[in-house]
């Protein structure tokens, strides 16, 4: 087994890993969880509504 065989194996494993991640990301059973996560930046922060500063911010 020379270096080119190793490179070929690494390439195939990388491709299969990538395709597995794509299939996982596009699967229907994860859609609700991903849609919920996509809306997190738009969610109201309860600390902002009460007038308190968020952690790390100065008043």
Foldseek 3Di string as FASTA:
>chain_A
DDPVVVVVVVVVVVVVVVVVVVCVVPDPVCVVVVVVVVCVVVDDDPCVVVPHDDPPDDD
